[in-house]
Amino acid sequence: MPVTDEQARALGRRLLAARGRILAEHGFYGLLLMHMKFAVGDELDTAWVSRDTITFNPDFSDKLNADELCFVLEHEVLHAALGHLERVGARDPELWNLACDIVVNSNIKHSNGDDPASITLRCEPGESFHLAPNGKEGWHYTADEVYEMLLKKRRKKGGAGEPKRGSGADDPGMSGGDAIGTARAIGRRGRWDWHIPDDGSDPQAEAEAHDAWAQRLADAKESMRARDPSNGRGLAPACIERRLDELQGAQADWRLLLGEFVQEEVCDYTFSSPDRRFPDSPFVLPGFSDTEAVAHDVLFMADASGSVSSAALTAAFSEVRGAMEQFNGKLDGWLGFFDAVPYEPVRFESVEDLLAIRPKGGGGTRFEAVFECVERWLCAEDLSCIVVLTDGYAPVPDESAAKGVPVLWLIDGDGPAPRWGKVARVPDAR
């Protein structure tokens, strides 16, 4: 039955009252909710969140008392704030949904003095999910870590690993464009909310949302600290502290790293601006430029093997994005991934291009795969350099594998340093 105007107005009043109460009692969640829009709909049976909107089916909200409505609002806004919608990627959406719920519910419970009543709905059978598969509270972990535990548990029980994609609306491996259809199917199996993932059709909007949430989290934390300077980190849930750490900028000074590396090791000159000292010469001489840092045709290869955590992959993306920002857009090239085999690199010329790239991998590690990638899809003569982002834990092939292309190894933490090429380190993200 379609939602009536009277139902929409009544629910709107309840939601505004609940947000005001959350602002007074749990300020951090309330500040985040100020950035969300509320909507009423009947596409699904319960509640769901998209990038900037929380939607309720009135039939579901009518079953919730004031305490439960506050819990659902806090639950949904944490999904948006923690980037759960943008990070589903190639994962099984149902399993990712559950992992995100465990982390979110446990953080809310922990914020309420570990009171189980704070995450209990009368219309559901008992407490909402909040324990990781190892029996510990979910607030100790990221959603990525809980997802890996759930995946491992499913494999132990003889289930499949990652699902095959796109086999129909009831397939829990679907995501993106048919998220509503998938949510309906999963809802029939007992879920009371759904997180509508970004479908990847607007990478610029996704990038803007990512940056906006990073700023909102930082602002909310600072606002809460201003209210109570003595409380330090304790005013923000543990999951928010971790997310703020993930969203920090690049750790490397890329202008220094690549500027020196490309200019000194690759070539001190550039043909992009000819030397005008000899205007009558029939030869075009390369002109030396020290006024502007540029880095073109750089191949970034990120280690996506099983030994590399999702946090380290996030850090790798942050480094490449940070490199582009530090070069004011005058950096372009390719981003590829490798484990035991290479995955075809994708060309990028802007931050939007970069954010549209999805990681692949999860197997063992072979550094030979980096150079096999060049042989299969690129040409060594077209590359200015190769930057390998890795934890360093794999045998290193002979330098001849690079076929004369300069290689910069960016090692995560204190992993072993390769015996050739230039080596730099960033803080451990594992």
Protein backbone atom coordinates (compact mmCIF):
# COMPACT_ATOMS: atom_id res chain seq x y z
CA MET A 1 0.00 0.00 0.00
CA PRO A 2 1.46 3.44 -0.93
CA VAL A 3 2.64 5.71 1.86
CA THR A 4 0.07 8.38 2.75
CA ASP A 5 0.85 12.04 3.47
CA GLU A 6 -0.39 11.56 7.02
CA GLN A 7 2.02 8.67 7.57
CA ALA A 8 4.91 10.68 6.15
CA ARG A 9 4.20 13.70 8.36
CA ALA A 10 3.82 11.57 11.49
CA LEU A 11 7.06 9.73 10.84
CA GLY A 12 8.86 12.98 10.03
CA ARG A 13 7.91 14.40 13.43
CA ARG A 14 9.13 11.26 15.19
CA LEU A 15 12.44 11.27 13.33
CA LEU A 16 13.17 14.91 14.11
CA ALA A 17 12.34 14.31 17.78
CA ALA A 18 14.63 11.25 17.83
CA ARG A 19 17.48 13.18 16.23
CA GLY A 20 17.12 15.94 18.85
CA ARG A 21 17.25 13.37 21.63
CA ILE A 22 20.36 11.75 20.13
CA LEU A 23 22.05 15.16 19.89
CA ALA A 24 21.40 15.69 23.60
CA GLU A 25 22.33 12.20 24.81
CA HIS A 26 24.86 10.93 22.23
CA GLY A 27 26.23 14.07 20.65
CA PHE A 28 28.65 12.43 18.23
CA TYR A 29 25.93 10.38 16.54
CA GLY A 30 23.62 13.39 16.55
CA LEU A 31 26.16 15.58 14.77
CA LEU A 32 26.56 12.95 12.07
CA LEU A 33 22.78 12.68 11.68
CA MET A 34 22.59 16.41 10.93
CA HIS A 35 24.14 15.59 7.55
CA MET A 36 21.53 12.96 6.63
CA LYS A 37 18.19 13.39 4.92
CA PHE A 38 15.13 11.43 6.03
CA ALA A 39 12.70 9.79 3.63
CA VAL A 40 9.63 7.58 3.69
CA GLY A 41 9.09 4.74 1.26
CA ASP A 42 7.61 1.31 0.72
CA GLU A 43 10.22 -0.17 -1.66
CA LEU A 44 11.45 -2.31 1.24
CA ASP A 45 9.72 -3.58 4.37
CA THR A 46 12.01 -2.04 7.02
CA ALA A 47 14.67 0.72 6.99
CA TRP A 48 17.62 1.34 4.68
CA VAL A 49 20.42 3.81 4.09
CA SER A 50 22.01 5.15 0.93
CA ARG A 51 24.84 7.66 0.55
CA ASP A 52 23.07 10.58 2.30
CA THR A 53 19.52 9.40 3.04
CA ILE A 54 17.88 7.19 5.67
CA THR A 55 14.54 5.79 4.52
CA PHE A 56 11.84 4.14 6.63
CA ASN A 57 8.86 2.07 5.73
CA PRO A 58 6.10 3.47 8.04
CA ASP A 59 4.80 0.00 8.83
CA PHE A 60 8.22 -0.85 10.27
CA SER A 61 8.75 2.44 12.11
CA ASP A 62 5.31 2.12 13.73
CA LYS A 63 6.62 -1.01 15.49
CA LEU A 64 9.51 0.92 17.10
CA ASN A 65 9.31 2.78 20.39
CA ALA A 66 11.38 5.96 20.96
CA ASP A 67 14.47 4.09 22.19
CA GLU A 68 14.40 1.67 19.25
CA LEU A 69 13.96 4.46 16.73
CA CYS A 70 17.09 6.16 18.11
CA PHE A 71 19.02 2.90 17.80
CA VAL A 72 17.99 2.45 14.17
CA LEU A 73 19.00 6.03 13.31
CA GLU A 74 22.41 5.60 14.96
CA HIS A 75 22.81 2.26 13.20
CA GLU A 76 22.10 3.69 9.74
CA VAL A 77 24.22 6.82 10.06
CA LEU A 78 27.24 4.78 11.14
CA HIS A 79 26.99 2.72 7.95
CA ALA A 80 27.21 5.91 5.88
CA ALA A 81 29.94 7.47 8.03
CA LEU A 82 32.14 4.36 7.96
CA GLY A 83 32.02 4.07 4.18
CA HIS A 84 30.23 0.70 4.29
CA LEU A 85 28.16 1.62 1.22
CA GLU A 86 31.14 2.47 -0.99
CA ARG A 87 33.36 -0.39 0.11
CA VAL A 88 31.30 -3.49 -0.75
CA GLY A 89 33.29 -3.89 -3.99
CA ALA A 90 33.31 -7.50 -5.21
CA ARG A 91 32.34 -8.92 -1.83
CA ASP A 92 29.23 -10.98 -1.15
CA PRO A 93 26.73 -8.21 -0.23
CA GLU A 94 24.83 -10.36 2.28
CA LEU A 95 27.98 -11.36 4.14
CA TRP A 96 29.33 -7.79 3.97
CA ASN A 97 25.97 -6.53 5.25
CA LEU A 98 26.25 -8.84 8.25
CA ALA A 99 29.87 -7.87 8.96
CA CYS A 100 28.95 -4.17 8.88
CA ASP A 101 25.97 -4.76 11.18
CA ILE A 102 28.15 -6.59 13.72
CA VAL A 103 30.63 -3.70 13.86
CA VAL A 104 27.98 -0.98 13.97
CA ASN A 105 25.77 -2.64 16.58
CA SER A 106 28.69 -3.49 18.83
CA ASN A 107 29.93 0.10 18.73
CA ILE A 108 26.47 1.41 19.61
CA LYS A 109 26.19 -1.11 22.46
CA HIS A 110 29.65 -0.12 23.71
CA SER A 111 28.67 3.57 23.56
CA ASN A 112 25.72 2.73 25.84
CA GLY A 113 27.72 1.09 28.59
CA ASP A 114 27.44 -2.34 26.91
CA ASP A 115 23.72 -2.43 27.67
CA PRO A 116 22.10 -5.12 25.43
CA ALA A 117 18.79 -3.26 25.57
CA SER A 118 20.38 -0.46 23.50
CA ILE A 119 20.52 -2.71 20.42
CA THR A 120 17.34 -4.75 20.94
CA LEU A 121 14.19 -4.39 18.83
CA ARG A 122 10.92 -5.85 20.04
CA CYS A 123 9.97 -6.78 16.49
CA GLU A 124 13.16 -8.83 16.12
CA PRO A 125 14.23 -11.98 18.00
CA GLY A 126 16.44 -10.53 20.74
CA GLU A 127 19.63 -8.49 20.46
CA SER A 128 20.85 -7.44 17.06
CA PHE A 129 24.06 -9.05 15.81
CA HIS A 130 27.10 -7.66 17.64
CA LEU A 131 29.60 -10.49 18.16
CA ALA A 132 32.35 -11.35 15.70
CA PRO A 133 32.67 -15.04 14.68
CA ASN A 134 35.44 -15.49 17.25
CA GLY A 135 33.05 -14.49 20.04
CA LYS A 136 34.60 -11.08 20.73
CA GLU A 137 32.66 -7.83 20.50
CA GLY A 138 32.58 -6.38 16.98
CA TRP A 139 33.80 -2.95 18.08
CA HIS A 140 37.31 -4.40 18.36
CA TYR A 141 37.41 -4.89 14.57
CA THR A 142 36.77 -3.26 11.23
CA ALA A 143 33.99 -4.53 8.98
CA ASP A 144 36.70 -5.84 6.63
CA GLU A 145 38.18 -7.99 9.39
CA VAL A 146 34.79 -9.36 10.46
CA TYR A 147 33.94 -10.11 6.82
CA GLU A 148 37.11 -12.20 6.45
CA MET A 149 36.19 -14.12 9.63
CA LEU A 150 32.68 -14.79 8.29
CA LEU A 151 34.07 -15.89 4.93
CA LYS A 152 36.52 -18.25 6.63
CA LYS A 153 33.73 -19.67 8.81
CA ARG A 154 31.54 -20.28 5.77
CA ARG A 155 34.37 -22.07 3.96
CA LYS A 156 34.99 -24.29 7.02
CA LYS A 157 31.35 -25.32 6.94
CA GLY A 158 31.79 -26.39 3.33
CA GLY A 159 30.18 -23.34 1.75
CA ALA A 160 31.52 -21.49 -1.24
CA GLY A 161 33.99 -18.63 -1.01
CA GLU A 162 33.25 -15.43 -2.90
CA PRO A 163 29.96 -15.74 -4.83
CA LYS A 164 29.47 -15.78 -8.57
CA ARG A 165 28.06 -12.48 -9.72
CA GLY A 166 24.79 -11.50 -11.30
CA SER A 167 22.75 -14.72 -11.36
CA GLY A 168 19.41 -13.13 -10.44
CA ALA A 169 17.57 -10.93 -7.94
CA ASP A 170 17.69 -13.59 -5.23
CA ASP A 171 21.45 -14.07 -5.66
CA PRO A 172 23.25 -12.77 -2.53
CA GLY A 173 26.22 -12.02 -4.78
CA MET A 174 24.40 -9.18 -6.51
CA SER A 175 25.12 -5.54 -5.79
CA GLY A 176 24.98 -2.12 -7.38
CA GLY A 177 22.11 -1.47 -9.77
CA ASP A 178 19.77 -4.17 -8.43
CA ALA A 179 20.53 -3.58 -4.77
CA ILE A 180 16.83 -3.03 -3.99
CA GLY A 181 15.95 -6.39 -5.54
CA THR A 182 18.70 -8.11 -3.59
CA ALA A 183 17.59 -6.36 -0.40
CA ARG A 184 14.04 -7.63 -0.84
CA ALA A 185 15.32 -11.19 -1.21
CA ILE A 186 17.58 -10.95 1.83
CA GLY A 187 14.84 -9.15 3.80
CA ARG A 188 12.63 -12.17 3.37
CA ARG A 189 15.31 -14.12 5.22
CA GLY A 190 15.00 -11.91 8.31
CA ARG A 191 17.13 -8.76 7.87
CA TRP A 192 15.69 -5.55 9.25
CA ASP A 193 17.85 -3.06 7.35
CA TRP A 194 19.81 -2.79 4.12
CA HIS A 195 22.75 -0.70 3.00
CA ILE A 196 22.26 0.40 -0.60
CA PRO A 197 25.75 0.39 -2.16
CA ASP A 198 27.02 2.96 -4.64
CA ASP A 199 26.75 1.45 -8.10
CA GLY A 200 29.98 2.98 -9.41
CA SER A 201 28.21 5.00 -12.09
CA ASP A 202 29.31 8.36 -10.69
CA PRO A 203 32.89 8.12 -9.37
CA GLN A 204 33.13 11.89 -8.91
CA ALA A 205 30.10 11.89 -6.62
CA GLU A 206 31.57 8.94 -4.70
CA ALA A 207 34.86 10.80 -4.29
CA GLU A 208 33.05 13.91 -3.06
CA ALA A 209 31.01 11.85 -0.60
CA HIS A 210 34.19 10.16 0.66
CA ASP A 211 35.85 13.52 1.27
CA ALA A 212 32.70 14.99 2.81
CA TRP A 213 32.41 12.18 5.36
CA ALA A 214 36.08 12.46 6.24
CA GLN A 215 35.53 16.13 7.05
CA ARG A 216 32.28 15.48 8.93
CA LEU A 217 33.92 12.87 11.14
CA ALA A 218 36.84 15.16 11.93
CA ASP A 219 34.50 18.10 12.63
CA ALA A 220 32.24 16.02 14.88
CA LYS A 221 35.19 14.72 16.85
CA GLU A 222 36.58 18.22 17.28
CA SER A 223 33.19 19.55 18.34
CA MET A 224 32.85 16.85 20.98
CA ARG A 225 36.37 17.52 22.24
CA ALA A 226 35.49 21.21 22.57
CA ARG A 227 32.54 20.26 24.78
CA ASP A 228 34.76 18.17 27.06
CA PRO A 229 38.51 18.73 26.48
CA SER A 230 39.42 16.24 29.22
CA ASN A 231 37.79 13.31 27.46
CA GLY A 232 40.26 13.02 24.57
CA ARG A 233 39.54 10.15 22.20
CA GLY A 234 36.77 8.62 24.28
CA LEU A 235 33.92 10.73 22.89
CA ALA A 236 34.02 9.06 19.47
CA PRO A 237 33.23 5.35 19.00
CA ALA A 238 36.22 3.09 18.33
CA CYS A 239 35.05 2.48 14.76
CA ILE A 240 35.12 6.23 14.05
CA GLU A 241 38.65 6.57 15.41
CA ARG A 242 39.78 3.79 13.06
CA ARG A 243 37.94 5.32 10.12
CA LEU A 244 39.58 8.68 10.75
CA ASP A 245 42.95 6.94 10.74
CA GLU A 246 42.08 5.24 7.43
CA LEU A 247 41.00 8.51 5.84
CA GLN A 248 44.22 10.31 6.61
CA GLY A 249 46.24 11.56 3.66
CA ALA A 250 49.27 10.03 2.03
CA GLN A 251 52.15 9.28 4.40
CA ALA A 252 54.84 9.71 1.74
CA ASP A 253 56.11 13.02 0.39
CA TRP A 254 55.45 12.09 -3.20
CA ARG A 255 56.74 15.33 -4.68
CA LEU A 256 60.08 14.53 -3.08
CA LEU A 257 60.01 10.79 -3.78
CA LEU A 258 58.90 10.85 -7.40
CA GLY A 259 60.30 14.26 -8.20
CA GLU A 260 63.82 13.17 -7.26
CA PHE A 261 63.35 9.62 -8.52
CA VAL A 262 61.97 10.52 -11.95
CA GLN A 263 64.20 13.55 -12.53
CA GLU A 264 67.44 12.07 -11.19
CA GLU A 265 67.20 8.38 -11.99
CA VAL A 266 65.09 8.48 -15.13
CA CYS A 267 66.15 11.66 -16.89
CA ASP A 268 67.20 15.14 -15.86
CA TYR A 269 65.54 16.61 -18.91
CA THR A 270 62.17 16.70 -20.58
CA PHE A 271 61.19 17.04 -24.22
CA SER A 272 57.89 18.64 -23.24
CA SER A 273 59.52 22.11 -23.17
CA PRO A 274 62.30 22.50 -25.82
CA ASP A 275 65.41 24.49 -24.98
CA ARG A 276 65.06 27.91 -26.62
CA ARG A 277 68.75 28.87 -26.32
CA PHE A 278 69.31 27.69 -29.90
CA PRO A 279 66.22 28.86 -31.85
CA ASP A 280 67.91 28.47 -35.23
CA SER A 281 69.12 24.93 -34.63
CA PRO A 282 67.52 22.16 -36.72
CA PHE A 283 67.66 19.96 -33.61
CA VAL A 284 65.12 20.00 -30.80
CA LEU A 285 67.07 19.92 -27.56
CA PRO A 286 65.53 18.81 -24.29
CA GLY A 287 64.95 21.66 -21.88
CA PHE A 288 65.76 21.33 -18.20
CA SER A 289 62.82 22.29 -15.98
CA ASP A 290 63.08 22.84 -12.25
CA THR A 291 60.01 25.06 -11.88
CA GLU A 292 57.27 22.44 -11.87
CA ALA A 293 57.15 18.84 -10.71
CA VAL A 294 55.63 16.45 -13.23
CA ALA A 295 55.40 12.67 -13.32
CA HIS A 296 53.89 11.01 -16.37
CA ASP A 297 53.36 7.36 -17.28
CA VAL A 298 54.03 5.96 -13.81
CA LEU A 299 52.93 2.36 -13.23
CA PHE A 300 51.70 1.79 -9.66
CA MET A 301 51.38 -1.90 -8.77
CA ALA A 302 49.68 -2.63 -5.45
CA ASP A 303 50.22 -5.91 -3.61
CA ALA A 304 46.76 -7.44 -3.14
CA SER A 305 47.88 -10.82 -1.85
CA GLY A 306 46.37 -12.61 1.11
CA SER A 307 49.08 -11.29 3.45
CA VAL A 308 48.01 -7.70 2.78
CA SER A 309 45.07 -6.43 4.83
CA SER A 310 42.23 -4.29 3.54
CA ALA A 311 43.66 -1.47 5.63
CA ALA A 312 46.93 -1.74 3.73
CA LEU A 313 45.06 -1.68 0.43
CA THR A 314 43.22 1.43 1.60
CA ALA A 315 46.60 2.96 2.47
CA ALA A 316 47.89 2.09 -1.02
CA PHE A 317 44.97 3.90 -2.63
CA SER A 318 45.60 6.85 -0.29
CA GLU A 319 49.23 6.99 -1.38
CA VAL A 320 48.43 7.04 -5.10
CA ARG A 321 45.71 9.63 -4.58
CA GLY A 322 48.05 11.64 -2.38
CA ALA A 323 50.68 11.51 -5.10
CA MET A 324 48.23 12.97 -7.61
CA GLU A 325 47.21 15.74 -5.24
CA GLN A 326 50.81 16.62 -4.37
CA PHE A 327 51.62 16.87 -8.09
CA ASN A 328 48.57 19.12 -8.64
CA GLY A 329 47.15 16.74 -11.21
CA LYS A 330 50.39 16.56 -13.19
CA LEU A 331 50.79 12.87 -12.53
CA ASP A 332 49.26 10.13 -14.62
CA GLY A 333 49.83 6.50 -15.37
CA TRP A 334 48.34 3.15 -14.49
CA LEU A 335 47.22 1.39 -11.31
CA GLY A 336 47.31 -2.39 -11.27
CA PHE A 337 47.19 -5.16 -8.66
CA PHE A 338 49.06 -8.39 -8.25
CA ASP A 339 49.23 -11.44 -6.01
CA ALA A 340 50.67 -14.61 -7.54
CA VAL A 341 49.55 -13.30 -10.93
CA PRO A 342 49.20 -9.80 -12.40
CA TYR A 343 45.84 -8.13 -13.02
CA GLU A 344 45.51 -5.78 -15.96
CA PRO A 345 46.37 -2.20 -14.92
CA VAL A 346 43.90 0.64 -15.51
CA ARG A 347 44.92 4.00 -16.92
CA PHE A 348 44.22 7.05 -14.73
CA GLU A 349 44.59 10.75 -15.42
CA SER A 350 42.48 12.16 -12.58
CA VAL A 351 41.42 11.37 -9.02
CA GLU A 352 38.01 10.38 -10.40
CA ASP A 353 39.65 7.81 -12.68
CA LEU A 354 41.60 6.48 -9.72
CA LEU A 355 38.57 6.06 -7.44
CA ALA A 356 36.73 4.11 -10.12
CA ILE A 357 39.41 1.37 -10.05
CA ARG A 358 38.51 -1.74 -8.05
CA PRO A 359 41.17 -3.95 -6.41
CA LYS A 360 41.64 -7.60 -7.35
CA GLY A 361 43.67 -10.34 -5.72
CA GLY A 362 43.83 -12.36 -2.53
CA GLY A 363 46.23 -15.18 -3.38
CA GLY A 364 49.94 -15.68 -2.76
CA THR A 365 52.65 -13.14 -3.60
CA ARG A 366 55.07 -13.18 -6.55
CA PHE A 367 56.97 -10.01 -7.40
CA GLU A 368 57.60 -11.49 -10.86
CA ALA A 369 53.91 -10.73 -11.48
CA VAL A 370 54.70 -7.00 -11.49
CA PHE A 371 57.01 -7.35 -14.46
CA GLU A 372 54.80 -9.93 -16.17
CA CYS A 373 52.15 -7.21 -16.12
CA VAL A 374 54.43 -4.92 -18.14
CA GLU A 375 55.11 -7.68 -20.67
CA ARG A 376 51.44 -8.56 -21.10
CA TRP A 377 49.72 -5.18 -21.23
CA LEU A 378 52.25 -2.36 -21.43
CA CYS A 379 55.59 -1.52 -23.00
CA ALA A 380 58.69 -0.94 -20.87
CA GLU A 381 59.77 1.90 -23.16
CA ASP A 382 56.53 3.78 -22.40
CA LEU A 383 57.02 3.79 -18.61
CA SER A 384 58.89 6.45 -16.68
CA CYS A 385 59.08 4.18 -13.62
CA ILE A 386 57.33 1.44 -11.66
CA VAL A 387 56.19 1.98 -8.07
CA VAL A 388 55.49 -1.25 -6.17
CA LEU A 389 53.32 -0.83 -3.04
CA THR A 390 53.84 -3.91 -0.87
CA ASP A 391 54.58 -5.33 2.57
CA GLY A 392 57.80 -6.75 1.06
CA TYR A 393 57.22 -10.39 1.99
CA ALA A 394 58.08 -12.29 -1.19
CA PRO A 395 61.23 -13.36 -3.08
CA VAL A 396 62.57 -10.61 -5.32
CA PRO A 397 63.53 -11.51 -8.91
CA ASP A 398 66.74 -10.37 -10.57
CA GLU A 399 66.93 -6.71 -11.56
CA SER A 400 66.91 -7.76 -15.21
CA ALA A 401 63.18 -8.49 -14.84
CA ALA A 402 62.54 -4.72 -14.86
CA LYS A 403 64.03 -4.44 -18.38
CA GLY A 404 65.72 -1.16 -17.55
CA VAL A 405 62.65 0.56 -16.05
CA PRO A 406 63.52 2.27 -12.72
CA VAL A 407 61.68 0.69 -9.78
CA LEU A 408 60.66 2.33 -6.50
CA TRP A 409 59.62 -0.10 -3.76
CA LEU A 410 57.24 1.53 -1.26
CA ILE A 411 57.32 -0.83 1.72
CA ASP A 412 54.48 -0.93 4.24
CA GLY A 413 56.03 -0.84 7.72
CA ASP A 414 59.20 -2.79 8.49
CA GLY A 415 58.95 -5.46 5.79
CA PRO A 416 62.19 -6.65 4.13
CA ALA A 417 63.82 -4.29 1.63
CA PRO A 418 64.49 -5.58 -1.91
CA ARG A 419 68.15 -5.79 -2.82
CA TRP A 420 67.82 -3.48 -5.84
CA GLY A 421 65.82 -0.44 -6.87
CA LYS A 422 65.06 2.52 -4.65
CA VAL A 423 63.29 1.77 -1.34
CA ALA A 424 61.02 4.03 0.72
CA ARG A 425 58.77 3.17 3.65
CA VAL A 426 55.39 4.27 4.97
CA PRO A 427 53.97 3.52 8.45
CA ASP A 428 52.61 0.00 8.86
CA ALA A 429 48.93 -0.16 7.79
CA ARG A 430 48.40 -3.85 8.43
